[in-house]
Amino acid sequence: MDDLLAEIRAERRAESASKARRERIKGLLVQVRLDNPGLKVADLEEKIGRFYDRATISRITYPAIEAARQQES
């Protein structure tokens, strides 16, 4: 039983760390898009090894890019 409970605790820690890492990745995607306005979603998809597909990258980054464009206006 101790081994089972230890593995479950370890998995929960790993899952929590994975969620945090994915949120960090999403934030970095937004930052990269904002810092490199000429970078196309397809190019970014290729550079990150298709970790996220184009549609997902767009959904993650589009709101921040639109907000930045509106601030410029």
PDB file of N, CA and C in Angstrom:
ATOM      1  N   MET A   1       0.816  -1.198   0.000  1.00  0.00           N
ATOM      2  CA  MET A   1       0.000   0.000   0.000  1.00  0.00           C
ATOM      3  C   MET A   1       0.862   1.265   0.000  1.00  0.00           C
ATOM      4  N   ASP A   2       1.963   1.236   0.753  1.00  0.00           N
ATOM      5  CA  ASP A   2       2.835   2.409   0.806  1.00  0.00           C
ATOM      6  C   ASP A   2       3.387   2.766  -0.572  1.00  0.00           C
ATOM      7  N   ASP A   3       3.777   1.723  -1.335  1.00  0.00           N
ATOM      8  CA  ASP A   3       4.304   1.976  -2.682  1.00  0.00           C
ATOM      9  C   ASP A   3       3.242   2.606  -3.577  1.00  0.00           C
ATOM     10  N   LEU A   4       2.028   2.104  -3.490  1.00  0.00           N
ATOM     11  CA  LEU A   4       0.927   2.639  -4.288  1.00  0.00           C
ATOM     12  C   LEU A   4       0.689   4.103  -3.955  1.00  0.00           C
ATOM     13  N   LEU A   5       0.595   4.421  -2.682  1.00  0.00           N
ATOM     14  CA  LEU A   5       0.335   5.796  -2.266  1.00  0.00           C
ATOM     15  C   LEU A   5       1.492   6.720  -2.652  1.00  0.00           C
ATOM     16  N   ALA A   6       2.706   6.235  -2.559  1.00  0.00           N
ATOM     17  CA  ALA A   6       3.869   7.033  -2.963  1.00  0.00           C
ATOM     18  C   ALA A   6       3.823   7.330  -4.455  1.00  0.00           C
ATOM     19  N   GLU A   7       3.459   6.342  -5.252  1.00  0.00           N
ATOM     20  CA  GLU A   7       3.366   6.551  -6.703  1.00  0.00           C
ATOM     21  C   GLU A   7       2.254   7.537  -7.055  1.00  0.00           C
ATOM     22  N   ILE A   8       1.151   7.442  -6.369  1.00  0.00           N
ATOM     23  CA  ILE A   8       0.041   8.375  -6.619  1.00  0.00           C
ATOM     24  C   ILE A   8       0.467   9.799  -6.267  1.00  0.00           C
ATOM     25  N   ARG A   9       1.146   9.975  -5.135  1.00  0.00           N
ATOM     26  CA  ARG A   9       1.638  11.315  -4.765  1.00  0.00           C
ATOM     27  C   ARG A   9       2.627  11.831  -5.809  1.00  0.00           C
ATOM     28  N   ALA A  10       3.517  10.966  -6.257  1.00  0.00           N
ATOM     29  CA  ALA A  10       4.502  11.368  -7.266  1.00  0.00           C
ATOM     30  C   ALA A  10       3.821  11.759  -8.572  1.00  0.00           C
ATOM     31  N   GLU A  11       2.806  11.005  -8.967  1.00  0.00           N
ATOM     32  CA  GLU A  11       2.073  11.318 -10.199  1.00  0.00           C
ATOM     33  C   GLU A  11       1.338  12.641 -10.071  1.00  0.00           C
ATOM     34  N   ARG A  12       0.747  12.890  -8.943  1.00  0.00           N
ATOM     35  CA  ARG A  12       0.047  14.168  -8.739  1.00  0.00           C
ATOM     36  C   ARG A  12       1.016  15.339  -8.802  1.00  0.00           C
ATOM     37  N   ARG A  13       2.211  15.179  -8.229  1.00  0.00           N
ATOM     38  CA  ARG A  13       3.229  16.240  -8.317  1.00  0.00           C
ATOM     39  C   ARG A  13       3.654  16.450  -9.759  1.00  0.00           C
ATOM     40  N   ALA A  14       3.869  15.358 -10.485  1.00  0.00           N
ATOM     41  CA  ALA A  14       4.284  15.450 -11.883  1.00  0.00           C
ATOM     42  C   ALA A  14       3.197  16.100 -12.730  1.00  0.00           C
ATOM     43  N   GLU A  15       1.950  15.754 -12.475  1.00  0.00           N
ATOM     44  CA  GLU A  15       0.835  16.333 -13.217  1.00  0.00           C
ATOM     45  C   GLU A  15       0.731  17.835 -12.948  1.00  0.00           C
ATOM     46  N   SER A  16       0.917  18.216 -11.720  1.00  0.00           N
ATOM     47  CA  SER A  16       0.871  19.633 -11.356  1.00  0.00           C
ATOM     48  C   SER A  16       2.012  20.395 -12.037  1.00  0.00           C
ATOM     49  N   ALA A  17       3.187  19.809 -12.031  1.00  0.00           N
ATOM     50  CA  ALA A  17       4.339  20.440 -12.685  1.00  0.00           C
ATOM     51  C   ALA A  17       4.104  20.535 -14.192  1.00  0.00           C
ATOM     52  N   SER A  18       3.502  19.520 -14.778  1.00  0.00           N
ATOM     53  CA  SER A  18       3.213  19.527 -16.209  1.00  0.00           C
ATOM     54  C   SER A  18       2.226  20.634 -16.559  1.00  0.00           C
ATOM     55  N   LYS A  19       1.202  20.807 -15.752  1.00  0.00           N
ATOM     56  CA  LYS A  19       0.223  21.870 -15.992  1.00  0.00           C
ATOM     57  C   LYS A  19       0.888  23.236 -15.913  1.00  0.00           C
ATOM     58  N   ALA A  20       1.734  23.421 -14.919  1.00  0.00           N
ATOM     59  CA  ALA A  20       2.447  24.693 -14.772  1.00  0.00           C
ATOM     60  C   ALA A  20       3.360  24.944 -15.968  1.00  0.00           C
ATOM     61  N   ARG A  21       4.028  23.897 -16.428  1.00  0.00           N
ATOM     62  CA  ARG A  21       4.920  24.032 -17.573  1.00  0.00           C
ATOM     63  C   ARG A  21       4.144  24.393 -18.838  1.00  0.00           C
ATOM     64  N   ARG A  22       2.987  23.789 -19.037  1.00  0.00           N
ATOM     65  CA  ARG A  22       2.176  24.112 -20.219  1.00  0.00           C
ATOM     66  C   ARG A  22       1.683  25.554 -20.168  1.00  0.00           C
ATOM     67  N   GLU A  23       1.327  26.046 -19.001  1.00  0.00           N
ATOM     68  CA  GLU A  23       0.924  27.448 -18.883  1.00  0.00           C
ATOM     69  C   GLU A  23       2.097  28.367 -19.202  1.00  0.00           C
ATOM     70  N   ARG A  24       3.274  28.002 -18.752  1.00  0.00           N
ATOM     71  CA  ARG A  24       4.480  28.789 -19.066  1.00  0.00           C
ATOM     72  C   ARG A  24       4.740  28.779 -20.567  1.00  0.00           C
ATOM     73  N   ILE A  25       4.578  27.628 -21.195  1.00  0.00           N
ATOM     74  CA  ILE A  25       4.774  27.521 -22.646  1.00  0.00           C
ATOM     75  C   ILE A  25       3.780  28.423 -23.370  1.00  0.00           C
ATOM     76  N   LYS A  26       2.539  28.426 -22.936  1.00  0.00           N
ATOM     77  CA  LYS A  26       1.532  29.285 -23.568  1.00  0.00           C
ATOM     78  C   LYS A  26       1.922  30.752 -23.444  1.00  0.00           C
ATOM     79  N   GLY A  27       2.383  31.148 -22.276  1.00  0.00           N
ATOM     80  CA  GLY A  27       2.827  32.525 -22.089  1.00  0.00           C
ATOM     81  C   GLY A  27       4.003  32.875 -22.971  1.00  0.00           C
ATOM     82  N   LEU A  28       4.917  31.940 -23.120  1.00  0.00           N
ATOM     83  CA  LEU A  28       6.073  32.174 -23.989  1.00  0.00           C
ATOM     84  C   LEU A  28       5.673  32.241 -25.458  1.00  0.00           C
ATOM     85  N   LEU A  29       4.699  31.443 -25.858  1.00  0.00           N
ATOM     86  CA  LEU A  29       4.205  31.526 -27.236  1.00  0.00           C
ATOM     87  C   LEU A  29       3.675  32.925 -27.522  1.00  0.00           C
ATOM     88  N   VAL A  30       2.895  33.452 -26.597  1.00  0.00           N
ATOM     89  CA  VAL A  30       2.353  34.800 -26.760  1.00  0.00           C
ATOM     90  C   VAL A  30       3.494  35.801 -26.859  1.00  0.00           C
ATOM     91  N   GLN A  31       4.464  35.693 -25.956  1.00  0.00           N
ATOM     92  CA  GLN A  31       5.580  36.638 -25.947  1.00  0.00           C
ATOM     93  C   GLN A  31       6.377  36.573 -27.251  1.00  0.00           C
ATOM     94  N   VAL A  32       6.621  35.383 -27.727  1.00  0.00           N
ATOM     95  CA  VAL A  32       7.374  35.223 -28.982  1.00  0.00           C
ATOM     96  C   VAL A  32       6.608  35.850 -30.143  1.00  0.00           C
ATOM     97  N   ARG A  33       5.311  35.629 -30.188  1.00  0.00           N
ATOM     98  CA  ARG A  33       4.511  36.229 -31.266  1.00  0.00           C
ATOM     99  C   ARG A  33       4.518  37.747 -31.178  1.00  0.00           C
ATOM    100  N   LEU A  34       4.422  38.293 -29.963  1.00  0.00           N
ATOM    101  CA  LEU A  34       4.428  39.745 -29.803  1.00  0.00           C
ATOM    102  C   LEU A  34       5.795  40.337 -30.141  1.00  0.00           C
ATOM    103  N   ASP A  35       6.859  39.633 -29.780  1.00  0.00           N
ATOM    104  CA  ASP A  35       8.220  40.120 -30.037  1.00  0.00           C
ATOM    105  C   ASP A  35       8.645  39.965 -31.492  1.00  0.00           C
ATOM    106  N   ASN A  36       7.979  39.094 -32.226  1.00  0.00           N
ATOM    107  CA  ASN A  36       8.353  38.796 -33.617  1.00  0.00           C
ATOM    108  C   ASN A  36       7.118  38.887 -34.503  1.00  0.00           C
ATOM    109  N   PRO A  37       6.651  40.106 -34.804  1.00  0.00           N
ATOM    110  CA  PRO A  37       5.392  40.247 -35.542  1.00  0.00           C
ATOM    111  C   PRO A  37       5.409  39.590 -36.926  1.00  0.00           C
ATOM    112  N   GLY A  38       6.573  39.416 -37.512  1.00  0.00           N
ATOM    113  CA  GLY A  38       6.649  38.787 -38.828  1.00  0.00           C
ATOM    114  C   GLY A  38       6.634  37.270 -38.788  1.00  0.00           C
ATOM    115  N   LEU A  39       6.699  36.710 -37.600  1.00  0.00           N
ATOM    116  CA  LEU A  39       6.725  35.256 -37.451  1.00  0.00           C
ATOM    117  C   LEU A  39       5.337  34.690 -37.712  1.00  0.00           C
ATOM    118  N   LYS A  40       5.254  33.817 -38.671  1.00  0.00           N
ATOM    119  CA  LYS A  40       3.975  33.196 -39.012  1.00  0.00           C
ATOM    120  C   LYS A  40       3.708  32.009 -38.096  1.00  0.00           C
ATOM    121  N   VAL A  41       2.442  31.734 -37.891  1.00  0.00           N
ATOM    122  CA  VAL A  41       2.043  30.626 -37.027  1.00  0.00           C
ATOM    123  C   VAL A  41       2.633  29.316 -37.539  1.00  0.00           C
ATOM    124  N   ALA A  42       2.632  29.119 -38.847  1.00  0.00           N
ATOM    125  CA  ALA A  42       3.183  27.889 -39.418  1.00  0.00           C
ATOM    126  C   ALA A  42       4.669  27.754 -39.102  1.00  0.00           C
ATOM    127  N   ASP A  43       5.396  28.874 -39.153  1.00  0.00           N
ATOM    128  CA  ASP A  43       6.825  28.837 -38.830  1.00  0.00           C
ATOM    129  C   ASP A  43       7.040  28.488 -37.358  1.00  0.00           C
ATOM    130  N   LEU A  44       6.216  29.062 -36.502  1.00  0.00           N
ATOM    131  CA  LEU A  44       6.321  28.780 -35.084  1.00  0.00           C
ATOM    132  C   LEU A  44       5.978  27.319 -34.799  1.00  0.00           C
ATOM    133  N   GLU A  45       4.955  26.834 -35.456  1.00  0.00           N
ATOM    134  CA  GLU A  45       4.567  25.424 -35.301  1.00  0.00           C
ATOM    135  C   GLU A  45       5.747  24.519 -35.648  1.00  0.00           C
ATOM    136  N   GLU A  46       6.418  24.837 -36.731  1.00  0.00           N
ATOM    137  CA  GLU A  46       7.559  24.021 -37.151  1.00  0.00           C
ATOM    138  C   GLU A  46       8.714  24.129 -36.152  1.00  0.00           C
ATOM    139  N   LYS A  47       8.987  25.337 -35.695  1.00  0.00           N
ATOM    140  CA  LYS A  47      10.105  25.549 -34.775  1.00  0.00           C
ATOM    141  C   LYS A  47       9.912  24.813 -33.449  1.00  0.00           C
ATOM    142  N   ILE A  48       8.686  24.693 -32.988  1.00  0.00           N
ATOM    143  CA  ILE A  48       8.450  24.018 -31.704  1.00  0.00           C
ATOM    144  C   ILE A  48       8.175  22.526 -31.890  1.00  0.00           C
ATOM    145  N   GLY A  49       8.459  22.025 -33.061  1.00  0.00           N
ATOM    146  CA  GLY A  49       8.316  20.587 -33.287  1.00  0.00           C
ATOM    147  C   GLY A  49       6.886  20.111 -33.236  1.00  0.00           C
ATOM    148  N   ARG A  50       5.976  20.977 -33.645  1.00  0.00           N
ATOM    149  CA  ARG A  50       4.547  20.669 -33.673  1.00  0.00           C
ATOM    150  C   ARG A  50       4.014  20.241 -32.298  1.00  0.00           C
ATOM    151  N   PHE A  51       4.614  20.806 -31.239  1.00  0.00           N
ATOM    152  CA  PHE A  51       4.115  20.556 -29.875  1.00  0.00           C
ATOM    153  C   PHE A  51       2.657  20.985 -29.788  1.00  0.00           C
ATOM    154  N   TYR A  52       2.356  22.126 -30.400  1.00  0.00           N
ATOM    155  CA  TYR A  52       0.983  22.579 -30.616  1.00  0.00           C
ATOM    156  C   TYR A  52       0.792  22.767 -32.107  1.00  0.00           C
ATOM    157  N   ASP A  53      -0.408  22.483 -32.608  1.00  0.00           N
ATOM    158  CA  ASP A  53      -0.670  22.702 -34.026  1.00  0.00           C
ATOM    159  C   ASP A  53      -1.024  24.173 -34.259  1.00  0.00           C
ATOM    160  N   ARG A  54      -1.119  24.545 -35.529  1.00  0.00           N
ATOM    161  CA  ARG A  54      -1.363  25.949 -35.901  1.00  0.00           C
ATOM    162  C   ARG A  54      -2.628  26.517 -35.274  1.00  0.00           C
ATOM    163  N   ALA A  55      -3.680  25.744 -35.294  1.00  0.00           N
ATOM    164  CA  ALA A  55      -4.952  26.230 -34.753  1.00  0.00           C
ATOM    165  C   ALA A  55      -4.829  26.509 -33.255  1.00  0.00           C
ATOM    166  N   THR A  56      -4.151  25.639 -32.546  1.00  0.00           N
ATOM    167  CA  THR A  56      -3.978  25.829 -31.110  1.00  0.00           C
ATOM    168  C   THR A  56      -3.102  27.040 -30.827  1.00  0.00           C
ATOM    169  N   ILE A  57      -2.029  27.188 -31.584  1.00  0.00           N
ATOM    170  CA  ILE A  57      -1.154  28.349 -31.417  1.00  0.00           C
ATOM    171  C   ILE A  57      -1.946  29.628 -31.660  1.00  0.00           C
ATOM    172  N   SER A  58      -2.754  29.632 -32.687  1.00  0.00           N
ATOM    173  CA  SER A  58      -3.573  30.814 -32.981  1.00  0.00           C
ATOM    174  C   SER A  58      -4.546  31.115 -31.844  1.00  0.00           C
ATOM    175  N   ARG A  59      -5.213  30.089 -31.334  1.00  0.00           N
ATOM    176  CA  ARG A  59      -6.170  30.291 -30.232  1.00  0.00           C
ATOM    177  C   ARG A  59      -5.473  30.840 -28.985  1.00  0.00           C
ATOM    178  N   ILE A  60      -4.258  30.387 -28.744  1.00  0.00           N
ATOM    179  CA  ILE A  60      -3.509  30.842 -27.573  1.00  0.00           C
ATOM    180  C   ILE A  60      -3.031  32.274 -27.746  1.00  0.00           C
ATOM    181  N   THR A  61      -2.545  32.601 -28.937  1.00  0.00           N
ATOM    182  CA  THR A  61      -1.857  33.884 -29.131  1.00  0.00           C
ATOM    183  C   THR A  61      -2.738  34.997 -29.687  1.00  0.00           C
ATOM    184  N   TYR A  62      -3.787  34.680 -30.396  1.00  0.00           N
ATOM    185  CA  TYR A  62      -4.597  35.696 -31.073  1.00  0.00           C
ATOM    186  C   TYR A  62      -5.133  36.778 -30.135  1.00  0.00           C
ATOM    187  N   PRO A  63      -5.717  36.425 -28.986  1.00  0.00           N
ATOM    188  CA  PRO A  63      -6.256  37.481 -28.119  1.00  0.00           C
ATOM    189  C   PRO A  63      -5.195  38.508 -27.697  1.00  0.00           C
ATOM    190  N   ALA A  64      -4.007  38.059 -27.371  1.00  0.00           N
ATOM    191  CA  ALA A  64      -2.949  38.984 -26.945  1.00  0.00           C
ATOM    192  C   ALA A  64      -2.478  39.843 -28.099  1.00  0.00           C
ATOM    193  N   ILE A  65      -2.401  39.279 -29.283  1.00  0.00           N
ATOM    194  CA  ILE A  65      -1.958  40.037 -30.452  1.00  0.00           C
ATOM    195  C   ILE A  65      -2.997  41.094 -30.804  1.00  0.00           C
ATOM    196  N   GLU A  66      -4.259  40.727 -30.759  1.00  0.00           N
ATOM    197  CA  GLU A  66      -5.320  41.701 -31.038  1.00  0.00           C
ATOM    198  C   GLU A  66      -5.319  42.819 -30.001  1.00  0.00           C
ATOM    199  N   ALA A  67      -5.130  42.484 -28.755  1.00  0.00           N
ATOM    200  CA  ALA A  67      -5.095  43.489 -27.700  1.00  0.00           C
ATOM    201  C   ALA A  67      -3.932  44.447 -27.918  1.00  0.00           C
ATOM    202  N   ALA A  68      -2.797  43.917 -28.332  1.00  0.00           N
ATOM    203  CA  ALA A  68      -1.618  44.765 -28.593  1.00  0.00           C
ATOM    204  C   ALA A  68      -1.894  45.685 -29.795  1.00  0.00           C
ATOM    205  N   ARG A  69      -2.544  45.168 -30.815  1.00  0.00           N
ATOM    206  CA  ARG A  69      -2.872  46.001 -31.986  1.00  0.00           C
ATOM    207  C   ARG A  69      -3.827  47.125 -31.612  1.00  0.00           C
ATOM    208  N   GLN A  70      -4.787  46.831 -30.776  1.00  0.00           N
ATOM    209  CA  GLN A  70      -5.750  47.847 -30.362  1.00  0.00           C
ATOM    210  C   GLN A  70      -5.089  48.927 -29.511  1.00  0.00           C
ATOM    211  N   GLN A  71      -4.115  48.557 -28.711  1.00  0.00           N
ATOM    212  CA  GLN A  71      -3.394  49.529 -27.907  1.00  0.00           C
ATOM    213  C   GLN A  71      -2.560  50.461 -28.789  1.00  0.00           C
ATOM    214  N   GLU A  72      -2.055  49.937 -29.901  1.00  0.00           N
ATOM    215  CA  GLU A  72      -1.259  50.739 -30.819  1.00  0.00           C
ATOM    216  C   GLU A  72      -2.111  51.775 -31.539  1.00  0.00           C
ATOM    217  N   SER A  73      -3.396  51.465 -31.696  1.00  0.00           N
ATOM    218  CA  SER A  73      -4.290  52.366 -32.448  1.00  0.00           C
ATOM    219  C   SER A  73      -4.681  53.579 -31.661  1.00  0.00           C
TER     220      SER A  73
END
